[in-house]
PDB file of N, CA and C in Angstrom:
ATOM      1  N   MET A   1       0.840  -1.186   0.000  1.00  0.00           N
ATOM      2  CA  MET A   1       0.000   0.000   0.000  1.00  0.00           C
ATOM      3  C   MET A   1       0.885   1.249   0.000  1.00  0.00           C
ATOM      4  N   LEU A   2       0.568   2.183  -0.875  1.00  0.00           N
ATOM      5  CA  LEU A   2       1.318   3.433  -0.931  1.00  0.00           C
ATOM      6  C   LEU A   2       0.839   4.370   0.172  1.00  0.00           C
ATOM      7  N   SER A   3       1.761   5.104   0.745  1.00  0.00           N
ATOM      8  CA  SER A   3       1.398   6.041   1.811  1.00  0.00           C
ATOM      9  C   SER A   3       1.012   7.393   1.236  1.00  0.00           C
ATOM     10  N   ARG A   4       0.278   8.131   2.010  1.00  0.00           N
ATOM     11  CA  ARG A   4      -0.093   9.494   1.633  1.00  0.00           C
ATOM     12  C   ARG A   4       1.173  10.357   1.487  1.00  0.00           C
ATOM     13  N   ALA A   5       2.128  10.160   2.389  1.00  0.00           N
ATOM     14  CA  ALA A   5       3.370  10.929   2.343  1.00  0.00           C
ATOM     15  C   ALA A   5       4.131  10.654   1.037  1.00  0.00           C
ATOM     16  N   PHE A   6       4.199   9.378   0.628  1.00  0.00           N
ATOM     17  CA  PHE A   6       4.857   9.039  -0.635  1.00  0.00           C
ATOM     18  C   PHE A   6       4.145   9.725  -1.792  1.00  0.00           C
ATOM     19  N   ALA A   7       2.827   9.642  -1.822  1.00  0.00           N
ATOM     20  CA  ALA A   7       2.035  10.228  -2.910  1.00  0.00           C
ATOM     21  C   ALA A   7       2.243  11.732  -2.993  1.00  0.00           C
ATOM     22  N   GLU A   8       2.228  12.405  -1.863  1.00  0.00           N
ATOM     23  CA  GLU A   8       2.417  13.855  -1.850  1.00  0.00           C
ATOM     24  C   GLU A   8       3.815  14.236  -2.318  1.00  0.00           C
ATOM     25  N   GLY A   9       4.835  13.488  -1.872  1.00  0.00           N
ATOM     26  CA  GLY A   9       6.203  13.762  -2.297  1.00  0.00           C
ATOM     27  C   GLY A   9       6.375  13.535  -3.792  1.00  0.00           C
ATOM     28  N   PHE A  10       5.821  12.436  -4.284  1.00  0.00           N
ATOM     29  CA  PHE A  10       5.887  12.144  -5.716  1.00  0.00           C
ATOM     30  C   PHE A  10       5.216  13.261  -6.510  1.00  0.00           C
ATOM     31  N   ALA A  11       4.002  13.629  -6.122  1.00  0.00           N
ATOM     32  CA  ALA A  11       3.239  14.650  -6.856  1.00  0.00           C
ATOM     33  C   ALA A  11       3.985  15.981  -6.877  1.00  0.00           C
ATOM     34  N   ARG A  12       4.514  16.398  -5.745  1.00  0.00           N
ATOM     35  CA  ARG A  12       5.241  17.667  -5.687  1.00  0.00           C
ATOM     36  C   ARG A  12       6.461  17.649  -6.608  1.00  0.00           C
ATOM     37  N   ASP A  13       7.243  16.560  -6.531  1.00  0.00           N
ATOM     38  CA  ASP A  13       8.457  16.497  -7.345  1.00  0.00           C
ATOM     39  C   ASP A  13       8.129  16.358  -8.828  1.00  0.00           C
ATOM     40  N   TRP A  14       7.119  15.557  -9.167  1.00  0.00           N
ATOM     41  CA  TRP A  14       6.721  15.352 -10.557  1.00  0.00           C
ATOM     42  C   TRP A  14       6.242  16.663 -11.181  1.00  0.00           C
ATOM     43  N   LEU A  15       5.382  17.398 -10.458  1.00  0.00           N
ATOM     44  CA  LEU A  15       4.885  18.675 -10.965  1.00  0.00           C
ATOM     45  C   LEU A  15       6.011  19.705 -11.087  1.00  0.00           C
ATOM     46  N   ALA A  16       6.883  19.753 -10.109  1.00  0.00           N
ATOM     47  CA  ALA A  16       8.008  20.700 -10.159  1.00  0.00           C
ATOM     48  C   ALA A  16       8.917  20.402 -11.347  1.00  0.00           C
ATOM     49  N   ALA A  17       9.157  19.123 -11.611  1.00  0.00           N
ATOM     50  CA  ALA A  17       9.998  18.753 -12.752  1.00  0.00           C
ATOM     51  C   ALA A  17       9.372  19.223 -14.061  1.00  0.00           C
ATOM     52  N   TRP A  18       8.062  19.054 -14.200  1.00  0.00           N
ATOM     53  CA  TRP A  18       7.372  19.545 -15.397  1.00  0.00           C
ATOM     54  C   TRP A  18       7.440  21.062 -15.476  1.00  0.00           C
ATOM     55  N   ASN A  19       7.147  21.733 -14.380  1.00  0.00           N
ATOM     56  CA  ASN A  19       7.152  23.201 -14.395  1.00  0.00           C
ATOM     57  C   ASN A  19       8.547  23.775 -14.644  1.00  0.00           C
ATOM     58  N   ASP A  20       9.583  23.012 -14.278  1.00  0.00           N
ATOM     59  CA  ASP A  20      10.964  23.404 -14.570  1.00  0.00           C
ATOM     60  C   ASP A  20      11.405  22.966 -15.968  1.00  0.00           C
ATOM     61  N   ARG A  21      10.543  22.188 -16.649  1.00  0.00           N
ATOM     62  CA  ARG A  21      10.838  21.662 -17.988  1.00  0.00           C
ATOM     63  C   ARG A  21      12.102  20.809 -17.981  1.00  0.00           C
ATOM     64  N   ASP A  22      12.283  20.031 -16.928  1.00  0.00           N
ATOM     65  CA  ASP A  22      13.472  19.203 -16.725  1.00  0.00           C
ATOM     66  C   ASP A  22      13.163  17.764 -17.130  1.00  0.00           C
ATOM     67  N   ILE A  23      13.405  17.435 -18.392  1.00  0.00           N
ATOM     68  CA  ILE A  23      13.025  16.136 -18.932  1.00  0.00           C
ATOM     69  C   ILE A  23      13.708  14.982 -18.200  1.00  0.00           C
ATOM     70  N   ASP A  24      14.960  15.135 -17.800  1.00  0.00           N
ATOM     71  CA  ASP A  24      15.646  14.064 -17.074  1.00  0.00           C
ATOM     72  C   ASP A  24      14.999  13.817 -15.717  1.00  0.00           C
ATOM     73  N   ARG A  25      14.646  14.879 -15.023  1.00  0.00           N
ATOM     74  CA  ARG A  25      13.984  14.742 -13.720  1.00  0.00           C
ATOM     75  C   ARG A  25      12.587  14.155 -13.881  1.00  0.00           C
ATOM     76  N   ILE A  26      11.870  14.558 -14.910  1.00  0.00           N
ATOM     77  CA  ILE A  26      10.549  13.975 -15.174  1.00  0.00           C
ATOM     78  C   ILE A  26      10.707  12.475 -15.372  1.00  0.00           C
ATOM     79  N   LEU A  27      11.608  12.083 -16.255  1.00  0.00           N
ATOM     80  CA  LEU A  27      11.781  10.666 -16.590  1.00  0.00           C
ATOM     81  C   LEU A  27      12.355   9.838 -15.448  1.00  0.00           C
ATOM     82  N   SER A  28      12.980  10.472 -14.472  1.00  0.00           N
ATOM     83  CA  SER A  28      13.545   9.721 -13.338  1.00  0.00           C
ATOM     84  C   SER A  28      12.461   8.995 -12.533  1.00  0.00           C
ATOM     85  N   HIS A  29      11.221   9.387 -12.703  1.00  0.00           N
ATOM     86  CA  HIS A  29      10.120   8.757 -11.980  1.00  0.00           C
ATOM     87  C   HIS A  29       9.634   7.459 -12.630  1.00  0.00           C
ATOM     88  N   TYR A  30      10.108   7.159 -13.827  1.00  0.00           N
ATOM     89  CA  TYR A  30       9.552   6.076 -14.638  1.00  0.00           C
ATOM     90  C   TYR A  30      10.523   4.913 -14.810  1.00  0.00           C
ATOM     91  N   SER A  31       9.961   3.702 -14.940  1.00  0.00           N
ATOM     92  CA  SER A  31      10.769   2.521 -15.235  1.00  0.00           C
ATOM     93  C   SER A  31      11.142   2.524 -16.717  1.00  0.00           C
ATOM     94  N   GLU A  32      12.130   1.749 -17.075  1.00  0.00           N
ATOM     95  CA  GLU A  32      12.545   1.631 -18.474  1.00  0.00           C
ATOM     96  C   GLU A  32      11.422   1.049 -19.336  1.00  0.00           C
ATOM     97  N   GLU A  33      10.548   0.257 -18.729  1.00  0.00           N
ATOM     98  CA  GLU A  33       9.472  -0.422 -19.459  1.00  0.00           C
ATOM     99  C   GLU A  33       8.141   0.318 -19.348  1.00  0.00           C
ATOM    100  N   ILE A  34       8.163   1.595 -19.100  1.00  0.00           N
ATOM    101  CA  ILE A  34       6.951   2.388 -18.911  1.00  0.00           C
ATOM    102  C   ILE A  34       5.990   2.234 -20.090  1.00  0.00           C
ATOM    103  N   ILE A  35       4.711   2.163 -19.758  1.00  0.00           N
ATOM    104  CA  ILE A  35       3.644   2.236 -20.760  1.00  0.00           C
ATOM    105  C   ILE A  35       2.828   3.468 -20.394  1.00  0.00           C
ATOM    106  N   PHE A  36       2.750   4.410 -21.314  1.00  0.00           N
ATOM    107  CA  PHE A  36       2.055   5.676 -21.089  1.00  0.00           C
ATOM    108  C   PHE A  36       0.903   5.793 -22.073  1.00  0.00           C
ATOM    109  N   HIS A  37      -0.289   6.105 -21.551  1.00  0.00           N
ATOM    110  CA  HIS A  37      -1.490   6.258 -22.371  1.00  0.00           C
ATOM    111  C   HIS A  37      -1.973   7.707 -22.283  1.00  0.00           C
ATOM    112  N   SER A  38      -2.268   8.299 -23.436  1.00  0.00           N
ATOM    113  CA  SER A  38      -2.804   9.652 -23.459  1.00  0.00           C
ATOM    114  C   SER A  38      -3.454   9.920 -24.810  1.00  0.00           C
ATOM    115  N   PRO A  39      -4.587  10.609 -24.797  1.00  0.00           N
ATOM    116  CA  PRO A  39      -5.196  10.992 -26.069  1.00  0.00           C
ATOM    117  C   PRO A  39      -4.389  12.069 -26.802  1.00  0.00           C
ATOM    118  N   ARG A  40      -3.404  12.665 -26.154  1.00  0.00           N
ATOM    119  CA  ARG A  40      -2.584  13.713 -26.765  1.00  0.00           C
ATOM    120  C   ARG A  40      -1.460  13.159 -27.632  1.00  0.00           C
ATOM    121  N   ILE A  41      -1.122  11.898 -27.474  1.00  0.00           N
ATOM    122  CA  ILE A  41       0.010  11.329 -28.199  1.00  0.00           C
ATOM    123  C   ILE A  41      -0.178  11.461 -29.707  1.00  0.00           C
ATOM    124  N   ALA A  42      -1.345  11.090 -30.191  1.00  0.00           N
ATOM    125  CA  ALA A  42      -1.606  11.122 -31.638  1.00  0.00           C
ATOM    126  C   ALA A  42      -1.432  12.529 -32.203  1.00  0.00           C
ATOM    127  N   ARG A  43      -1.937  13.520 -31.478  1.00  0.00           N
ATOM    128  CA  ARG A  43      -1.841  14.906 -31.954  1.00  0.00           C
ATOM    129  C   ARG A  43      -0.388  15.374 -32.026  1.00  0.00           C
ATOM    130  N   VAL A  44       0.363  15.093 -30.973  1.00  0.00           N
ATOM    131  CA  VAL A  44       1.756  15.545 -30.930  1.00  0.00           C
ATOM    132  C   VAL A  44       2.624  14.803 -31.943  1.00  0.00           C
ATOM    133  N   MET A  45       2.406  13.490 -32.060  1.00  0.00           N
ATOM    134  CA  MET A  45       3.257  12.675 -32.915  1.00  0.00           C
ATOM    135  C   MET A  45       2.794  12.631 -34.374  1.00  0.00           C
ATOM    136  N   GLY A  46       1.582  13.126 -34.638  1.00  0.00           N
ATOM    137  CA  GLY A  46       1.088  13.141 -36.007  1.00  0.00           C
ATOM    138  C   GLY A  46       0.732  11.765 -36.538  1.00  0.00           C
ATOM    139  N   ASN A  47       0.291  10.884 -35.631  1.00  0.00           N
ATOM    140  CA  ASN A  47      -0.120   9.544 -36.045  1.00  0.00           C
ATOM    141  C   ASN A  47      -1.365   9.150 -35.241  1.00  0.00           C
ATOM    142  N   GLU A  48      -1.692   7.890 -35.190  1.00  0.00           N
ATOM    143  CA  GLU A  48      -2.891   7.451 -34.467  1.00  0.00           C
ATOM    144  C   GLU A  48      -2.573   6.780 -33.142  1.00  0.00           C
ATOM    145  N   ALA A  49      -1.345   6.896 -32.662  1.00  0.00           N
ATOM    146  CA  ALA A  49      -0.925   6.228 -31.428  1.00  0.00           C
ATOM    147  C   ALA A  49      -1.673   6.780 -30.214  1.00  0.00           C
ATOM    148  N   MET A  50      -2.036   5.880 -29.328  1.00  0.00           N
ATOM    149  CA  MET A  50      -2.663   6.257 -28.066  1.00  0.00           C
ATOM    150  C   MET A  50      -1.778   5.881 -26.875  1.00  0.00           C
ATOM    151  N   SER A  51      -0.696   5.147 -27.152  1.00  0.00           N
ATOM    152  CA  SER A  51       0.196   4.680 -26.096  1.00  0.00           C
ATOM    153  C   SER A  51       1.649   4.817 -26.528  1.00  0.00           C
ATOM    154  N   ILE A  52       2.502   4.975 -25.532  1.00  0.00           N
ATOM    155  CA  ILE A  52       3.953   5.018 -25.715  1.00  0.00           C
ATOM    156  C   ILE A  52       4.526   3.867 -24.900  1.00  0.00           C
ATOM    157  N   PHE A  53       5.469   3.135 -25.480  1.00  0.00           N
ATOM    158  CA  PHE A  53       6.102   2.011 -24.801  1.00  0.00           C
ATOM    159  C   PHE A  53       7.599   2.273 -24.672  1.00  0.00           C
ATOM    160  N   GLY A  54       8.101   2.301 -23.447  1.00  0.00           N
ATOM    161  CA  GLY A  54       9.530   2.451 -23.204  1.00  0.00           C
ATOM    162  C   GLY A  54       9.946   3.885 -22.924  1.00  0.00           C
ATOM    163  N   LYS A  55      10.954   3.994 -22.075  1.00  0.00           N
ATOM    164  CA  LYS A  55      11.423   5.300 -21.609  1.00  0.00           C
ATOM    165  C   LYS A  55      12.036   6.141 -22.732  1.00  0.00           C
ATOM    166  N   LYS A  56      12.758   5.515 -23.656  1.00  0.00           N
ATOM    167  CA  LYS A  56      13.372   6.279 -24.747  1.00  0.00           C
ATOM    168  C   LYS A  56      12.292   6.896 -25.639  1.00  0.00           C
ATOM    169  N   THR A  57      11.272   6.125 -25.957  1.00  0.00           N
ATOM    170  CA  THR A  57      10.186   6.640 -26.792  1.00  0.00           C
ATOM    171  C   THR A  57       9.422   7.730 -26.054  1.00  0.00           C
ATOM    172  N   LEU A  58       9.256   7.548 -24.744  1.00  0.00           N
ATOM    173  CA  LEU A  58       8.579   8.559 -23.936  1.00  0.00           C
ATOM    174  C   LEU A  58       9.388   9.853 -23.917  1.00  0.00           C
ATOM    175  N   ARG A  59      10.713   9.742 -23.814  1.00  0.00           N
ATOM    176  CA  ARG A  59      11.580  10.934 -23.864  1.00  0.00           C
ATOM    177  C   ARG A  59      11.383  11.676 -25.189  1.00  0.00           C
ATOM    178  N   ASP A  60      11.365  10.937 -26.294  1.00  0.00           N
ATOM    179  CA  ASP A  60      11.179  11.563 -27.611  1.00  0.00           C
ATOM    180  C   ASP A  60       9.838  12.294 -27.681  1.00  0.00           C
ATOM    181  N   TYR A  61       8.790  11.641 -27.198  1.00  0.00           N
ATOM    182  CA  TYR A  61       7.449  12.234 -27.216  1.00  0.00           C
ATOM    183  C   TYR A  61       7.395  13.501 -26.362  1.00  0.00           C
ATOM    184  N   TRP A  62       7.863  13.408 -25.119  1.00  0.00           N
ATOM    185  CA  TRP A  62       7.776  14.570 -24.239  1.00  0.00           C
ATOM    186  C   TRP A  62       8.697  15.699 -24.675  1.00  0.00           C
ATOM    187  N   THR A  63       9.833  15.400 -25.255  1.00  0.00           N
ATOM    188  CA  THR A  63      10.703  16.450 -25.773  1.00  0.00           C
ATOM    189  C   THR A  63       9.978  17.227 -26.867  1.00  0.00           C
ATOM    190  N   LYS A  64       9.307  16.492 -27.754  1.00  0.00           N
ATOM    191  CA  LYS A  64       8.544  17.143 -28.813  1.00  0.00           C
ATOM    192  C   LYS A  64       7.370  17.930 -28.220  1.00  0.00           C
ATOM    193  N   ALA A  65       6.649  17.347 -27.277  1.00  0.00           N
ATOM    194  CA  ALA A  65       5.498  18.011 -26.656  1.00  0.00           C
ATOM    195  C   ALA A  65       5.916  19.290 -25.928  1.00  0.00           C
ATOM    196  N   LEU A  66       7.024  19.246 -25.206  1.00  0.00           N
ATOM    197  CA  LEU A  66       7.506  20.446 -24.518  1.00  0.00           C
ATOM    198  C   LEU A  66       7.861  21.546 -25.503  1.00  0.00           C
ATOM    199  N   GLY A  67       8.414  21.172 -26.648  1.00  0.00           N
ATOM    200  CA  GLY A  67       8.741  22.152 -27.667  1.00  0.00           C
ATOM    201  C   GLY A  67       7.511  22.840 -28.243  1.00  0.00           C
ATOM    202  N   LEU A  68       6.372  22.138 -28.218  1.00  0.00           N
ATOM    203  CA  LEU A  68       5.124  22.693 -28.741  1.00  0.00           C
ATOM    204  C   LEU A  68       4.355  23.517 -27.705  1.00  0.00           C
ATOM    205  N   ALA A  69       4.794  23.469 -26.452  1.00  0.00           N
ATOM    206  CA  ALA A  69       4.063  24.159 -25.378  1.00  0.00           C
ATOM    207  C   ALA A  69       5.029  24.947 -24.482  1.00  0.00           C
ATOM    208  N   PRO A  70       5.598  26.029 -24.992  1.00  0.00           N
ATOM    209  CA  PRO A  70       6.560  26.789 -24.187  1.00  0.00           C
ATOM    210  C   PRO A  70       5.945  27.403 -22.931  1.00  0.00           C
ATOM    211  N   GLN A  71       4.632  27.552 -22.893  1.00  0.00           N
ATOM    212  CA  GLN A  71       3.951  28.143 -21.743  1.00  0.00           C
ATOM    213  C   GLN A  71       3.480  27.093 -20.730  1.00  0.00           C
ATOM    214  N   LEU A  72       3.851  25.827 -20.918  1.00  0.00           N
ATOM    215  CA  LEU A  72       3.388  24.737 -20.062  1.00  0.00           C
ATOM    216  C   LEU A  72       3.566  25.042 -18.584  1.00  0.00           C
ATOM    217  N   PHE A  73       2.515  24.777 -17.818  1.00  0.00           N
ATOM    218  CA  PHE A  73       2.559  24.908 -16.368  1.00  0.00           C
ATOM    219  C   PHE A  73       1.444  24.054 -15.790  1.00  0.00           C
ATOM    220  N   PHE A  74       1.758  23.303 -14.723  1.00  0.00           N
ATOM    221  CA  PHE A  74       0.770  22.466 -14.052  1.00  0.00           C
ATOM    222  C   PHE A  74       0.565  22.974 -12.624  1.00  0.00           C
ATOM    223  N   GLU A  75      -0.689  23.026 -12.197  1.00  0.00           N
ATOM    224  CA  GLU A  75      -1.017  23.412 -10.825  1.00  0.00           C
ATOM    225  C   GLU A  75      -1.777  22.273 -10.157  1.00  0.00           C
ATOM    226  N   LEU A  76      -1.297  21.829  -9.011  1.00  0.00           N
ATOM    227  CA  LEU A  76      -1.879  20.700  -8.283  1.00  0.00           C
ATOM    228  C   LEU A  76      -3.260  21.044  -7.738  1.00  0.00           C
ATOM    229  N   ASP A  77      -4.217  20.141  -7.977  1.00  0.00           N
ATOM    230  CA  ASP A  77      -5.562  20.282  -7.427  1.00  0.00           C
ATOM    231  C   ASP A  77      -5.828  19.271  -6.318  1.00  0.00           C
ATOM    232  N   ASP A  78      -5.406  18.019  -6.517  1.00  0.00           N
ATOM    233  CA  ASP A  78      -5.655  16.989  -5.505  1.00  0.00           C
ATOM    234  C   ASP A  78      -4.812  15.759  -5.804  1.00  0.00           C
ATOM    235  N   ILE A  79      -4.687  14.890  -4.807  1.00  0.00           N
ATOM    236  CA  ILE A  79      -3.953  13.635  -4.932  1.00  0.00           C
ATOM    237  C   ILE A  79      -4.827  12.535  -4.339  1.00  0.00           C
ATOM    238  N   LEU A  80      -5.009  11.464  -5.107  1.00  0.00           N
ATOM    239  CA  LEU A  80      -5.766  10.305  -4.648  1.00  0.00           C
ATOM    240  C   LEU A  80      -4.798   9.138  -4.522  1.00  0.00           C
ATOM    241  N   VAL A  81      -4.909   8.371  -3.435  1.00  0.00           N
ATOM    242  CA  VAL A  81      -3.961   7.297  -3.156  1.00  0.00           C
ATOM    243  C   VAL A  81      -4.663   5.947  -3.223  1.00  0.00           C
ATOM    244  N   GLY A  82      -4.075   5.010  -3.962  1.00  0.00           N
ATOM    245  CA  GLY A  82      -4.576   3.637  -4.052  1.00  0.00           C
ATOM    246  C   GLY A  82      -3.563   2.664  -3.487  1.00  0.00           C
ATOM    247  N   SER A  83      -3.766   1.396  -3.752  1.00  0.00           N
ATOM    248  CA  SER A  83      -2.880   0.365  -3.212  1.00  0.00           C
ATOM    249  C   SER A  83      -1.492   0.422  -3.856  1.00  0.00           C
ATOM    250  N   ASP A  84      -1.449   0.446  -5.175  1.00  0.00           N
ATOM    251  CA  ASP A  84      -0.170   0.515  -5.882  1.00  0.00           C
ATOM    252  C   ASP A  84      -0.157   1.639  -6.910  1.00  0.00           C
ATOM    253  N   ALA A  85      -1.092   2.567  -6.769  1.00  0.00           N
ATOM    254  CA  ALA A  85      -1.216   3.664  -7.741  1.00  0.00           C
ATOM    255  C   ALA A  85      -1.660   4.939  -7.044  1.00  0.00           C
ATOM    256  N   ILE A  86      -1.326   6.051  -7.670  1.00  0.00           N
ATOM    257  CA  ILE A  86      -1.855   7.336  -7.231  1.00  0.00           C
ATOM    258  C   ILE A  86      -2.431   8.044  -8.456  1.00  0.00           C
ATOM    259  N   THR A  87      -3.385   8.914  -8.209  1.00  0.00           N
ATOM    260  CA  THR A  87      -3.920   9.762  -9.266  1.00  0.00           C
ATOM    261  C   THR A  87      -3.709  11.202  -8.838  1.00  0.00           C
ATOM    262  N   ILE A  88      -3.086  11.968  -9.726  1.00  0.00           N
ATOM    263  CA  ILE A  88      -2.873  13.385  -9.482  1.00  0.00           C
ATOM    264  C   ILE A  88      -3.883  14.145 -10.327  1.00  0.00           C
ATOM    265  N   LEU A  89      -4.642  15.010  -9.686  1.00  0.00           N
ATOM    266  CA  LEU A  89      -5.561  15.902 -10.391  1.00  0.00           C
ATOM    267  C   LEU A  89      -4.879  17.258 -10.457  1.00  0.00           C
ATOM    268  N   TYR A  90      -4.757  17.787 -11.673  1.00  0.00           N
ATOM    269  CA  TYR A  90      -4.091  19.076 -11.832  1.00  0.00           C
ATOM    270  C   TYR A  90      -4.723  19.853 -12.972  1.00  0.00           C
ATOM    271  N   THR A  91      -4.457  21.153 -12.967  1.00  0.00           N
ATOM    272  CA  THR A  91      -4.907  22.033 -14.033  1.00  0.00           C
ATOM    273  C   THR A  91      -3.682  22.434 -14.834  1.00  0.00           C
ATOM    274  N   ASN A  92      -3.804  22.348 -16.161  1.00  0.00           N
ATOM    275  CA  ASN A  92      -2.661  22.707 -16.995  1.00  0.00           C
ATOM    276  C   ASN A  92      -2.760  24.156 -17.475  1.00  0.00           C
ATOM    277  N   HIS A  93      -1.784  24.554 -18.262  1.00  0.00           N
ATOM    278  CA  HIS A  93      -1.684  25.928 -18.764  1.00  0.00           C
ATOM    279  C   HIS A  93      -2.840  26.312 -19.682  1.00  0.00           C
ATOM    280  N   ARG A  94      -3.590  25.343 -20.163  1.00  0.00           N
ATOM    281  CA  ARG A  94      -4.759  25.609 -21.003  1.00  0.00           C
ATOM    282  C   ARG A  94      -6.044  25.705 -20.178  1.00  0.00           C
ATOM    283  N   GLU A  95      -5.902  25.697 -18.852  1.00  0.00           N
ATOM    284  CA  GLU A  95      -7.052  25.713 -17.930  1.00  0.00           C
ATOM    285  C   GLU A  95      -7.886  24.436 -18.034  1.00  0.00           C
ATOM    286  N   GLU A  96      -7.254  23.334 -18.468  1.00  0.00           N
ATOM    287  CA  GLU A  96      -7.921  22.044 -18.535  1.00  0.00           C
ATOM    288  C   GLU A  96      -7.647  21.268 -17.259  1.00  0.00           C
ATOM    289  N   MET A  97      -8.660  20.570 -16.758  1.00  0.00           N
ATOM    290  CA  MET A  97      -8.435  19.666 -15.644  1.00  0.00           C
ATOM    291  C   MET A  97      -7.907  18.350 -16.215  1.00  0.00           C
ATOM    292  N   VAL A  98      -6.869  17.824 -15.562  1.00  0.00           N
ATOM    293  CA  VAL A  98      -6.247  16.571 -15.981  1.00  0.00           C
ATOM    294  C   VAL A  98      -6.201  15.635 -14.785  1.00  0.00           C
ATOM    295  N   ALA A  99      -6.479  14.357 -15.035  1.00  0.00           N
ATOM    296  CA  ALA A  99      -6.291  13.302 -14.041  1.00  0.00           C
ATOM    297  C   ALA A  99      -5.250  12.359 -14.606  1.00  0.00           C
ATOM    298  N   GLU A 100      -4.165  12.170 -13.884  1.00  0.00           N
ATOM    299  CA  GLU A 100      -3.133  11.257 -14.348  1.00  0.00           C
ATOM    300  C   GLU A 100      -2.904  10.211 -13.269  1.00  0.00           C
ATOM    301  N   THR A 101      -3.067   8.957 -13.665  1.00  0.00           N
ATOM    302  CA  THR A 101      -2.896   7.833 -12.750  1.00  0.00           C
ATOM    303  C   THR A 101      -1.553   7.182 -13.006  1.00  0.00           C
ATOM    304  N   PHE A 102      -0.817   6.916 -11.930  1.00  0.00           N
ATOM    305  CA  PHE A 102       0.516   6.335 -11.982  1.00  0.00           C
ATOM    306  C   PHE A 102       0.497   5.014 -11.219  1.00  0.00           C
ATOM    307  N   VAL A 103       0.807   3.923 -11.901  1.00  0.00           N
ATOM    308  CA  VAL A 103       0.906   2.603 -11.262  1.00  0.00           C
ATOM    309  C   VAL A 103       2.388   2.332 -11.037  1.00  0.00           C
ATOM    310  N   PHE A 104       2.733   1.966  -9.807  1.00  0.00           N
ATOM    311  CA  PHE A 104       4.126   1.778  -9.426  1.00  0.00           C
ATOM    312  C   PHE A 104       4.503   0.307  -9.401  1.00  0.00           C
ATOM    313  N   GLY A 105       5.710   0.024  -9.879  1.00  0.00           N
ATOM    314  CA  GLY A 105       6.262  -1.321  -9.815  1.00  0.00           C
ATOM    315  C   GLY A 105       6.992  -1.531  -8.504  1.00  0.00           C
ATOM    316  N   PRO A 106       7.559  -2.722  -8.319  1.00  0.00           N
ATOM    317  CA  PRO A 106       8.227  -3.037  -7.053  1.00  0.00           C
ATOM    318  C   PRO A 106       9.434  -2.162  -6.732  1.00  0.00           C
ATOM    319  N   GLU A 107      10.053  -1.551  -7.763  1.00  0.00           N
ATOM    320  CA  GLU A 107      11.222  -0.681  -7.519  1.00  0.00           C
ATOM    321  C   GLU A 107      10.823   0.738  -7.153  1.00  0.00           C
ATOM    322  N   GLY A 108       9.513   1.006  -7.097  1.00  0.00           N
ATOM    323  CA  GLY A 108       9.044   2.346  -6.772  1.00  0.00           C
ATOM    324  C   GLY A 108       9.003   3.290  -7.957  1.00  0.00           C
ATOM    325  N   LYS A 109       9.182   2.761  -9.160  1.00  0.00           N
ATOM    326  CA  LYS A 109       9.113   3.564 -10.381  1.00  0.00           C
ATOM    327  C   LYS A 109       7.766   3.328 -11.059  1.00  0.00           C
ATOM    328  N   VAL A 110       7.326   4.302 -11.834  1.00  0.00           N
ATOM    329  CA  VAL A 110       6.052   4.197 -12.545  1.00  0.00           C
ATOM    330  C   VAL A 110       6.212   3.219 -13.708  1.00  0.00           C
ATOM    331  N   VAL A 111       5.328   2.219 -13.754  1.00  0.00           N
ATOM    332  CA  VAL A 111       5.358   1.230 -14.834  1.00  0.00           C
ATOM    333  C   VAL A 111       4.226   1.459 -15.837  1.00  0.00           C
ATOM    334  N   ARG A 112       3.187   2.159 -15.411  1.00  0.00           N
ATOM    335  CA  ARG A 112       2.075   2.496 -16.298  1.00  0.00           C
ATOM    336  C   ARG A 112       1.502   3.833 -15.849  1.00  0.00           C
ATOM    337  N   SER A 113       1.200   4.673 -16.827  1.00  0.00           N
ATOM    338  CA  SER A 113       0.610   5.972 -16.540  1.00  0.00           C
ATOM    339  C   SER A 113      -0.490   6.229 -17.551  1.00  0.00           C
ATOM    340  N   ILE A 114      -1.608   6.742 -17.054  1.00  0.00           N
ATOM    341  CA  ILE A 114      -2.760   7.021 -17.910  1.00  0.00           C
ATOM    342  C   ILE A 114      -3.226   8.441 -17.639  1.00  0.00           C
ATOM    343  N   ALA A 115      -3.230   9.263 -18.709  1.00  0.00           N
ATOM    344  CA  ALA A 115      -3.673  10.652 -18.600  1.00  0.00           C
ATOM    345  C   ALA A 115      -5.062  10.779 -19.198  1.00  0.00           C
ATOM    346  N   ALA A 116      -5.931  11.497 -18.488  1.00  0.00           N
ATOM    347  CA  ALA A 116      -7.290  11.759 -18.973  1.00  0.00           C
ATOM    348  C   ALA A 116      -7.586  13.239 -18.789  1.00  0.00           C
ATOM    349  N   TYR A 117      -8.305  13.803 -19.741  1.00  0.00           N
ATOM    350  CA  TYR A 117      -8.555  15.239 -19.777  1.00  0.00           C
ATOM    351  C   TYR A 117     -10.043  15.519 -19.733  1.00  0.00           C
ATOM    352  N   ARG A 118     -10.418  16.642 -19.111  1.00  0.00           N
ATOM    353  CA  ARG A 118     -11.812  17.068 -19.107  1.00  0.00           C
ATOM    354  C   ARG A 118     -12.164  17.629 -20.452  1.00  0.00           C
TER     355      ARG A 118
END
């Protein structure tokens, strides 16, 4: 079971890494075998993909996405804690509410992440 303290620390550091646009720090939270799901992937990558597999591919995607959003900023709204996952509710620079769920593997790294938008 994940603790509230772990979830809060993860959320603070994850959001700060994004707001600092620090791709290495962002990726430090993820396992090499990460599976990331988002409806934004297809738009950014110019294809029909809904998922990213692997840390290197995720780095390529987020590097491109950051380049398209120089005004990017996330503001924390809430944190929900589950047994092996947390969901961070945040508002992005477009004033959209986002829910992102992070499933953690045994090493404490994110193995699956799912982003959903209002």
